[in-house]
Amino acid sequence: MSLQSVTQFFSEKAPDIAVIELTVSTATVELAARAHGVEPGQIAKTLAIRIGDETILLVAKGDARLDNKKFKSRFAAKPRMLAPEDVVAVTGHPVGGVCPFGLLNPLRVFCDTSLQAYPEVVPAAGDIHAAVRIAPERMAALVDAEWVDVCQ
């Protein structure tokens, strides 16, 4: 269902972008970077974060770390990562395949400015074996994301 919802998302909103399916796992930044032949920073990781009663998605470069001080300054709350079972329930995507596309529930999406270091990034596509190659600005536009600076 998850890969299917992402494939449908792209067929409707960006038919020129193909979902790349691999036989090897891309469930971690390191595995994904190796499989796609890019540096770890070019992998666009998506974090599901709870702020109070709201869950948001934050997409950042693969080797970036969340800066709690910047995050708290921007969102006026401490970030709390969702448990794996909650990630699936909220996004419809398994951990390792989480992305801002084809979500089960509408969520606010934020893209960290760290992604702007690359002309093209590689976010997952709803499965630990799937991804897309996309310009960060286009990704943000497709999911109506807001740019923030909350990573180191």
N, C-alpha and C. Protein backbone atom coordinates (compact mmCIF):
# COMPACT_ATOMS: atom_id res chain seq x y z
N MET A 1 0.83 -1.20 0.00
CA MET A 1 0.00 0.00 0.00
C MET A 1 0.87 1.26 0.00
N SER A 2 1.91 1.29 0.80
CA SER A 2 2.73 2.48 0.94
C SER A 2 3.43 2.85 -0.36
N LEU A 3 4.13 1.89 -0.96
CA LEU A 3 4.79 2.14 -2.24
C LEU A 3 3.76 2.51 -3.29
N GLN A 4 2.62 1.86 -3.24
CA GLN A 4 1.54 2.14 -4.18
C GLN A 4 1.03 3.58 -4.03
N SER A 5 0.89 4.05 -2.79
CA SER A 5 0.39 5.41 -2.58
C SER A 5 1.40 6.44 -3.07
N VAL A 6 2.69 6.15 -2.93
CA VAL A 6 3.73 7.06 -3.43
C VAL A 6 3.75 7.05 -4.95
N THR A 7 3.65 5.88 -5.54
CA THR A 7 3.61 5.77 -7.01
C THR A 7 2.42 6.54 -7.56
N GLN A 8 1.28 6.41 -6.91
CA GLN A 8 0.08 7.14 -7.33
C GLN A 8 0.28 8.64 -7.17
N PHE A 9 0.90 9.07 -6.08
CA PHE A 9 1.19 10.48 -5.84
C PHE A 9 1.97 11.06 -7.02
N PHE A 10 3.04 10.37 -7.42
CA PHE A 10 3.87 10.87 -8.52
C PHE A 10 3.16 10.78 -9.86
N SER A 11 2.36 9.76 -10.08
CA SER A 11 1.65 9.67 -11.36
C SER A 11 0.66 10.82 -11.51
N GLU A 12 0.12 11.30 -10.40
CA GLU A 12 -0.84 12.40 -10.44
C GLU A 12 -0.18 13.78 -10.42
N LYS A 13 0.86 13.96 -9.61
CA LYS A 13 1.42 15.29 -9.39
C LYS A 13 2.73 15.57 -10.12
N ALA A 14 3.47 14.53 -10.46
CA ALA A 14 4.77 14.72 -11.13
C ALA A 14 5.09 13.47 -11.96
N PRO A 15 4.35 13.25 -13.04
CA PRO A 15 4.53 12.01 -13.82
C PRO A 15 5.92 11.86 -14.45
N ASP A 16 6.69 12.93 -14.48
CA ASP A 16 8.05 12.84 -15.02
C ASP A 16 9.04 12.25 -14.03
N ILE A 17 8.64 12.08 -12.78
CA ILE A 17 9.52 11.52 -11.76
C ILE A 17 9.19 10.04 -11.57
N ALA A 18 10.18 9.19 -11.79
CA ALA A 18 9.99 7.75 -11.65
C ALA A 18 10.41 7.28 -10.26
N VAL A 19 9.62 6.39 -9.70
CA VAL A 19 10.00 5.74 -8.45
C VAL A 19 11.01 4.66 -8.79
N ILE A 20 12.14 4.69 -8.11
CA ILE A 20 13.22 3.73 -8.34
C ILE A 20 13.07 2.59 -7.33
N GLU A 21 12.92 1.38 -7.84
CA GLU A 21 12.82 0.21 -6.97
C GLU A 21 14.09 -0.61 -7.10
N LEU A 22 14.68 -0.95 -5.96
CA LEU A 22 15.92 -1.72 -5.93
C LEU A 22 15.68 -3.07 -5.24
N THR A 23 16.60 -3.99 -5.43
CA THR A 23 16.50 -5.28 -4.76
C THR A 23 17.20 -5.27 -3.41
N VAL A 24 18.05 -4.26 -3.19
CA VAL A 24 18.75 -4.14 -1.90
C VAL A 24 18.02 -3.15 -1.00
N SER A 25 18.18 -3.33 0.29
CA SER A 25 17.54 -2.44 1.25
C SER A 25 18.21 -1.06 1.25
N THR A 26 17.37 -0.05 1.38
CA THR A 26 17.85 1.32 1.53
C THR A 26 17.28 1.91 2.83
N ALA A 27 17.10 1.04 3.82
CA ALA A 27 16.42 1.41 5.06
C ALA A 27 17.21 2.37 5.95
N THR A 28 18.52 2.48 5.74
CA THR A 28 19.31 3.44 6.52
C THR A 28 19.98 4.41 5.55
N VAL A 29 20.43 5.52 6.07
CA VAL A 29 21.11 6.51 5.24
C VAL A 29 22.33 5.88 4.55
N GLU A 30 23.11 5.13 5.30
CA GLU A 30 24.31 4.52 4.73
C GLU A 30 23.97 3.54 3.61
N LEU A 31 22.99 2.67 3.85
CA LEU A 31 22.58 1.70 2.82
C LEU A 31 22.04 2.42 1.59
N ALA A 32 21.24 3.44 1.81
CA ALA A 32 20.64 4.18 0.69
C ALA A 32 21.71 4.90 -0.12
N ALA A 33 22.67 5.52 0.56
CA ALA A 33 23.73 6.24 -0.15
C ALA A 33 24.54 5.27 -1.01
N ARG A 34 24.87 4.13 -0.45
CA ARG A 34 25.63 3.13 -1.20
C ARG A 34 24.82 2.62 -2.40
N ALA A 35 23.57 2.30 -2.18
CA ALA A 35 22.72 1.75 -3.25
C ALA A 35 22.50 2.74 -4.39
N HIS A 36 22.41 4.02 -4.07
CA HIS A 36 22.13 5.04 -5.09
C HIS A 36 23.39 5.76 -5.58
N GLY A 37 24.55 5.40 -5.03
CA GLY A 37 25.80 5.99 -5.48
C GLY A 37 25.92 7.48 -5.19
N VAL A 38 25.43 7.89 -4.02
CA VAL A 38 25.51 9.29 -3.62
C VAL A 38 26.14 9.38 -2.24
N GLU A 39 26.52 10.58 -1.82
CA GLU A 39 27.04 10.75 -0.47
C GLU A 39 25.88 10.74 0.52
N PRO A 40 26.13 10.35 1.77
CA PRO A 40 25.06 10.25 2.76
C PRO A 40 24.21 11.52 2.90
N GLY A 41 24.84 12.69 2.79
CA GLY A 41 24.08 13.93 2.92
C GLY A 41 23.02 14.10 1.87
N GLN A 42 23.20 13.48 0.73
CA GLN A 42 22.24 13.62 -0.38
C GLN A 42 20.98 12.79 -0.18
N ILE A 43 21.02 11.86 0.76
CA ILE A 43 19.81 11.10 1.11
C ILE A 43 18.92 12.03 1.93
N ALA A 44 17.69 12.20 1.50
CA ALA A 44 16.75 13.07 2.22
C ALA A 44 15.96 12.22 3.20
N LYS A 45 16.37 12.26 4.47
CA LYS A 45 15.68 11.45 5.47
C LYS A 45 14.46 12.20 5.99
N THR A 46 13.41 11.45 6.26
CA THR A 46 12.16 12.04 6.75
C THR A 46 11.93 11.56 8.17
N LEU A 47 11.84 12.50 9.09
CA LEU A 47 11.61 12.20 10.49
C LEU A 47 10.17 12.55 10.86
N ALA A 48 9.51 11.62 11.56
CA ALA A 48 8.16 11.87 12.08
C ALA A 48 8.32 12.33 13.52
N ILE A 49 7.87 13.55 13.79
CA ILE A 49 8.10 14.18 15.08
C ILE A 49 6.78 14.67 15.66
N ARG A 50 6.61 14.41 16.95
CA ARG A 50 5.43 14.89 17.64
C ARG A 50 5.77 16.17 18.36
N ILE A 51 4.91 17.18 18.16
CA ILE A 51 5.01 18.46 18.86
C ILE A 51 3.67 18.65 19.55
N GLY A 52 3.63 18.44 20.84
CA GLY A 52 2.36 18.51 21.54
C GLY A 52 1.45 17.40 21.02
N ASP A 53 0.29 17.78 20.48
CA ASP A 53 -0.66 16.80 19.95
C ASP A 53 -0.53 16.62 18.44
N GLU A 54 0.37 17.37 17.82
CA GLU A 54 0.51 17.32 16.36
C GLU A 54 1.73 16.51 15.95
N THR A 55 1.59 15.77 14.86
CA THR A 55 2.73 15.09 14.26
C THR A 55 3.09 15.84 12.99
N ILE A 56 4.38 16.12 12.84
CA ILE A 56 4.88 16.77 11.63
C ILE A 56 5.93 15.87 10.99
N LEU A 57 6.25 16.15 9.75
CA LEU A 57 7.37 15.49 9.09
C LEU A 57 8.45 16.52 8.85
N LEU A 58 9.69 16.13 9.12
CA LEU A 58 10.83 16.98 8.85
C LEU A 58 11.74 16.22 7.90
N VAL A 59 12.01 16.80 6.75
CA VAL A 59 12.91 16.19 5.78
C VAL A 59 14.24 16.95 5.85
N ALA A 60 15.32 16.20 6.06
CA ALA A 60 16.65 16.82 6.20
C ALA A 60 17.68 15.97 5.47
N LYS A 61 18.85 16.54 5.25
CA LYS A 61 19.89 15.76 4.59
C LYS A 61 20.30 14.61 5.50
N GLY A 62 20.71 13.52 4.88
CA GLY A 62 20.92 12.27 5.59
C GLY A 62 21.90 12.31 6.74
N ASP A 63 22.93 13.13 6.64
CA ASP A 63 23.91 13.17 7.71
C ASP A 63 23.73 14.36 8.66
N ALA A 64 22.61 15.04 8.54
CA ALA A 64 22.30 16.16 9.44
C ALA A 64 21.75 15.61 10.76
N ARG A 65 22.00 16.34 11.81
CA ARG A 65 21.45 15.99 13.12
C ARG A 65 20.52 17.10 13.56
N LEU A 66 19.43 16.70 14.18
CA LEU A 66 18.48 17.67 14.71
C LEU A 66 19.15 18.49 15.80
N ASP A 67 19.00 19.79 15.73
CA ASP A 67 19.54 20.69 16.75
C ASP A 67 18.38 21.06 17.67
N ASN A 68 18.37 20.49 18.87
CA ASN A 68 17.24 20.69 19.78
C ASN A 68 16.99 22.15 20.11
N LYS A 69 18.05 22.94 20.25
CA LYS A 69 17.90 24.36 20.56
C LYS A 69 17.21 25.10 19.41
N LYS A 70 17.68 24.86 18.18
CA LYS A 70 17.05 25.50 17.01
C LYS A 70 15.60 25.04 16.86
N PHE A 71 15.38 23.74 17.07
CA PHE A 71 14.03 23.19 16.93
C PHE A 71 13.09 23.84 17.93
N LYS A 72 13.52 23.90 19.19
CA LYS A 72 12.67 24.47 20.23
C LYS A 72 12.41 25.95 19.96
N SER A 73 13.42 26.65 19.43
CA SER A 73 13.24 28.05 19.09
C SER A 73 12.20 28.22 17.98
N ARG A 74 12.24 27.35 17.00
CA ARG A 74 11.32 27.46 15.85
C ARG A 74 9.91 27.00 16.18
N PHE A 75 9.79 25.88 16.92
CA PHE A 75 8.48 25.27 17.17
C PHE A 75 7.95 25.47 18.58
N ALA A 76 8.73 26.12 19.44
CA ALA A 76 8.33 26.38 20.83
C ALA A 76 7.98 25.09 21.56
N ALA A 77 8.67 24.01 21.21
CA ALA A 77 8.45 22.72 21.87
C ALA A 77 9.66 21.84 21.65
N LYS A 78 9.80 20.87 22.51
CA LYS A 78 10.86 19.89 22.38
C LYS A 78 10.40 18.81 21.40
N PRO A 79 11.26 18.39 20.46
CA PRO A 79 10.86 17.35 19.51
C PRO A 79 10.79 15.98 20.18
N ARG A 80 9.76 15.22 19.84
CA ARG A 80 9.64 13.84 20.31
C ARG A 80 9.45 12.94 19.10
N MET A 81 10.39 12.03 18.88
CA MET A 81 10.30 11.10 17.75
C MET A 81 9.19 10.10 18.01
N LEU A 82 8.49 9.72 16.97
CA LEU A 82 7.44 8.72 17.08
C LEU A 82 8.05 7.32 17.16
N ALA A 83 7.38 6.42 17.85
CA ALA A 83 7.76 5.02 17.88
C ALA A 83 7.48 4.42 16.50
N PRO A 84 8.22 3.40 16.09
CA PRO A 84 8.03 2.82 14.75
C PRO A 84 6.58 2.45 14.42
N GLU A 85 5.86 1.86 15.36
CA GLU A 85 4.47 1.49 15.07
C GLU A 85 3.59 2.72 14.87
N ASP A 86 3.91 3.81 15.57
CA ASP A 86 3.15 5.05 15.40
C ASP A 86 3.47 5.70 14.06
N VAL A 87 4.72 5.58 13.61
CA VAL A 87 5.12 6.13 12.31
C VAL A 87 4.27 5.51 11.21
N VAL A 88 4.14 4.18 11.23
CA VAL A 88 3.34 3.48 10.22
C VAL A 88 1.87 3.90 10.32
N ALA A 89 1.34 3.97 11.53
CA ALA A 89 -0.07 4.32 11.72
C ALA A 89 -0.38 5.73 11.22
N VAL A 90 0.55 6.66 11.39
CA VAL A 90 0.31 8.05 11.02
C VAL A 90 0.63 8.32 9.55
N THR A 91 1.75 7.80 9.06
CA THR A 91 2.18 8.11 7.69
C THR A 91 1.73 7.08 6.65
N GLY A 92 1.56 5.83 7.10
CA GLY A 92 1.28 4.75 6.17
C GLY A 92 2.55 4.15 5.61
N HIS A 93 3.70 4.69 5.99
CA HIS A 93 4.99 4.21 5.49
C HIS A 93 5.78 3.54 6.61
N PRO A 94 6.52 2.47 6.28
CA PRO A 94 7.35 1.83 7.30
C PRO A 94 8.61 2.65 7.56
N VAL A 95 9.16 2.50 8.76
CA VAL A 95 10.44 3.14 9.08
C VAL A 95 11.46 2.64 8.05
N GLY A 96 12.23 3.55 7.51
CA GLY A 96 13.18 3.22 6.44
C GLY A 96 12.61 3.53 5.06
N GLY A 97 11.30 3.73 5.00
CA GLY A 97 10.64 4.08 3.75
C GLY A 97 9.81 5.34 3.87
N VAL A 98 9.92 6.00 5.05
CA VAL A 98 9.10 7.19 5.31
C VAL A 98 9.53 8.32 4.39
N CYS A 99 8.53 8.98 3.83
CA CYS A 99 8.75 10.11 2.93
C CYS A 99 7.54 11.03 3.03
N PRO A 100 7.63 12.23 2.47
CA PRO A 100 6.50 13.15 2.55
C PRO A 100 5.45 12.96 1.44
N PHE A 101 5.59 11.90 0.65
CA PHE A 101 4.70 11.66 -0.50
C PHE A 101 3.70 10.54 -0.19
N GLY A 102 2.49 10.66 -0.72
CA GLY A 102 1.51 9.58 -0.60
C GLY A 102 1.18 9.19 0.83
N LEU A 103 1.01 10.18 1.69
CA LEU A 103 0.77 9.93 3.11
C LEU A 103 -0.63 9.40 3.38
N LEU A 104 -0.73 8.58 4.41
CA LEU A 104 -2.01 8.04 4.84
C LEU A 104 -2.90 9.15 5.40
N ASN A 105 -2.29 10.06 6.15
CA ASN A 105 -2.99 11.20 6.76
C ASN A 105 -2.28 12.48 6.36
N PRO A 106 -3.02 13.57 6.17
CA PRO A 106 -2.36 14.83 5.86
C PRO A 106 -1.53 15.32 7.06
N LEU A 107 -0.29 15.66 6.79
CA LEU A 107 0.61 16.16 7.83
C LEU A 107 1.33 17.39 7.32
N ARG A 108 1.66 18.30 8.24
CA ARG A 108 2.49 19.43 7.84
C ARG A 108 3.89 18.91 7.61
N VAL A 109 4.51 19.39 6.53
CA VAL A 109 5.85 18.96 6.16
C VAL A 109 6.79 20.16 6.20
N PHE A 110 7.96 19.94 6.75
CA PHE A 110 9.00 20.95 6.81
C PHE A 110 10.26 20.38 6.18
N CYS A 111 10.96 21.19 5.42
CA CYS A 111 12.23 20.78 4.83
C CYS A 111 13.33 21.63 5.46
N ASP A 112 14.35 20.95 5.97
CA ASP A 112 15.46 21.67 6.57
C ASP A 112 16.33 22.27 5.46
N THR A 113 16.84 23.45 5.71
CA THR A 113 17.66 24.14 4.72
C THR A 113 18.93 23.36 4.36
N SER A 114 19.28 22.37 5.18
CA SER A 114 20.46 21.53 4.88
C SER A 114 20.32 20.85 3.53
N LEU A 115 19.11 20.60 3.08
CA LEU A 115 18.87 19.94 1.78
C LEU A 115 19.30 20.81 0.61
N GLN A 116 19.32 22.12 0.82
CA GLN A 116 19.62 23.04 -0.27
C GLN A 116 21.09 23.02 -0.68
N ALA A 117 21.90 22.21 -0.02
CA ALA A 117 23.31 22.06 -0.39
C ALA A 117 23.46 21.23 -1.66
N TYR A 118 22.38 20.56 -2.08
CA TYR A 118 22.44 19.65 -3.23
C TYR A 118 21.44 20.04 -4.31
N PRO A 119 21.82 19.87 -5.58
CA PRO A 119 20.87 20.12 -6.66
C PRO A 119 19.82 19.01 -6.77
N GLU A 120 20.17 17.83 -6.25
CA GLU A 120 19.25 16.69 -6.29
C GLU A 120 19.43 15.88 -5.01
N VAL A 121 18.30 15.45 -4.43
CA VAL A 121 18.34 14.61 -3.24
C VAL A 121 17.58 13.32 -3.53
N VAL A 122 17.77 12.34 -2.63
CA VAL A 122 17.17 11.02 -2.83
C VAL A 122 16.37 10.63 -1.58
N PRO A 123 15.08 11.00 -1.54
CA PRO A 123 14.23 10.56 -0.43
C PRO A 123 13.68 9.16 -0.71
N ALA A 124 13.31 8.47 0.36
CA ALA A 124 12.64 7.18 0.23
C ALA A 124 11.31 7.39 -0.50
N ALA A 125 10.71 6.27 -0.89
CA ALA A 125 9.43 6.35 -1.61
C ALA A 125 8.43 5.35 -1.06
N GLY A 126 8.30 5.32 0.27
CA GLY A 126 7.27 4.49 0.89
C GLY A 126 7.63 3.04 1.13
N ASP A 127 8.87 2.67 0.86
CA ASP A 127 9.31 1.29 1.02
C ASP A 127 10.82 1.30 1.25
N ILE A 128 11.36 0.29 1.92
CA ILE A 128 12.80 0.25 2.18
C ILE A 128 13.61 -0.10 0.94
N HIS A 129 12.93 -0.37 -0.17
CA HIS A 129 13.60 -0.67 -1.43
C HIS A 129 13.31 0.37 -2.52
N ALA A 130 12.70 1.48 -2.15
CA ALA A 130 12.25 2.44 -3.15
C ALA A 130 12.66 3.86 -2.79
N ALA A 131 12.91 4.67 -3.84
CA ALA A 131 13.30 6.07 -3.66
C ALA A 131 12.99 6.84 -4.93
N VAL A 132 13.19 8.14 -4.87
CA VAL A 132 13.11 9.00 -6.05
C VAL A 132 14.29 9.94 -6.03
N ARG A 133 14.63 10.46 -7.19
CA ARG A 133 15.65 11.52 -7.30
C ARG A 133 14.88 12.79 -7.67
N ILE A 134 15.13 13.85 -6.88
CA ILE A 134 14.34 15.07 -7.06
C ILE A 134 15.12 16.28 -6.54
N ALA A 135 14.90 17.43 -7.15
CA ALA A 135 15.49 18.67 -6.65
C ALA A 135 14.80 19.03 -5.33
N PRO A 136 15.55 19.48 -4.33
CA PRO A 136 14.93 19.81 -3.04
C PRO A 136 13.78 20.82 -3.16
N GLU A 137 13.96 21.82 -4.00
CA GLU A 137 12.91 22.84 -4.14
C GLU A 137 11.64 22.24 -4.72
N ARG A 138 11.80 21.31 -5.66
CA ARG A 138 10.62 20.68 -6.26
C ARG A 138 9.93 19.78 -5.25
N MET A 139 10.71 19.05 -4.48
CA MET A 139 10.13 18.20 -3.44
C MET A 139 9.30 19.05 -2.48
N ALA A 140 9.88 20.14 -2.01
CA ALA A 140 9.17 21.01 -1.07
C ALA A 140 7.89 21.56 -1.69
N ALA A 141 7.95 21.94 -2.95
CA ALA A 141 6.77 22.48 -3.63
C ALA A 141 5.68 21.41 -3.77
N LEU A 142 6.06 20.19 -4.12
CA LEU A 142 5.09 19.12 -4.33
C LEU A 142 4.32 18.77 -3.06
N VAL A 143 4.96 18.90 -1.90
CA VAL A 143 4.31 18.53 -0.65
C VAL A 143 3.93 19.74 0.19
N ASP A 144 4.03 20.93 -0.42
CA ASP A 144 3.67 22.18 0.24
C ASP A 144 4.43 22.35 1.57
N ALA A 145 5.74 22.06 1.51
CA ALA A 145 6.57 22.13 2.72
C ALA A 145 7.03 23.55 2.99
N GLU A 146 7.31 23.80 4.24
CA GLU A 146 7.89 25.06 4.68
C GLU A 146 9.36 24.82 4.97
N TRP A 147 10.22 25.73 4.53
CA TRP A 147 11.65 25.61 4.80
C TRP A 147 11.95 26.10 6.21
N VAL A 148 12.76 25.34 6.95
CA VAL A 148 13.18 25.70 8.30
C VAL A 148 14.66 25.39 8.47
N ASP A 149 15.27 25.97 9.49
CA ASP A 149 16.67 25.69 9.80
C ASP A 149 16.71 25.14 11.21
N VAL A 150 16.62 23.81 11.35
CA VAL A 150 16.56 23.19 12.67
C VAL A 150 17.57 22.05 12.84
N CYS A 151 18.51 21.93 11.92
CA CYS A 151 19.53 20.88 12.01
C CYS A 151 20.92 21.46 12.13
N GLN A 152 21.84 20.63 12.60
CA GLN A 152 23.25 21.01 12.70
C GLN A 152 23.93 20.69 11.39
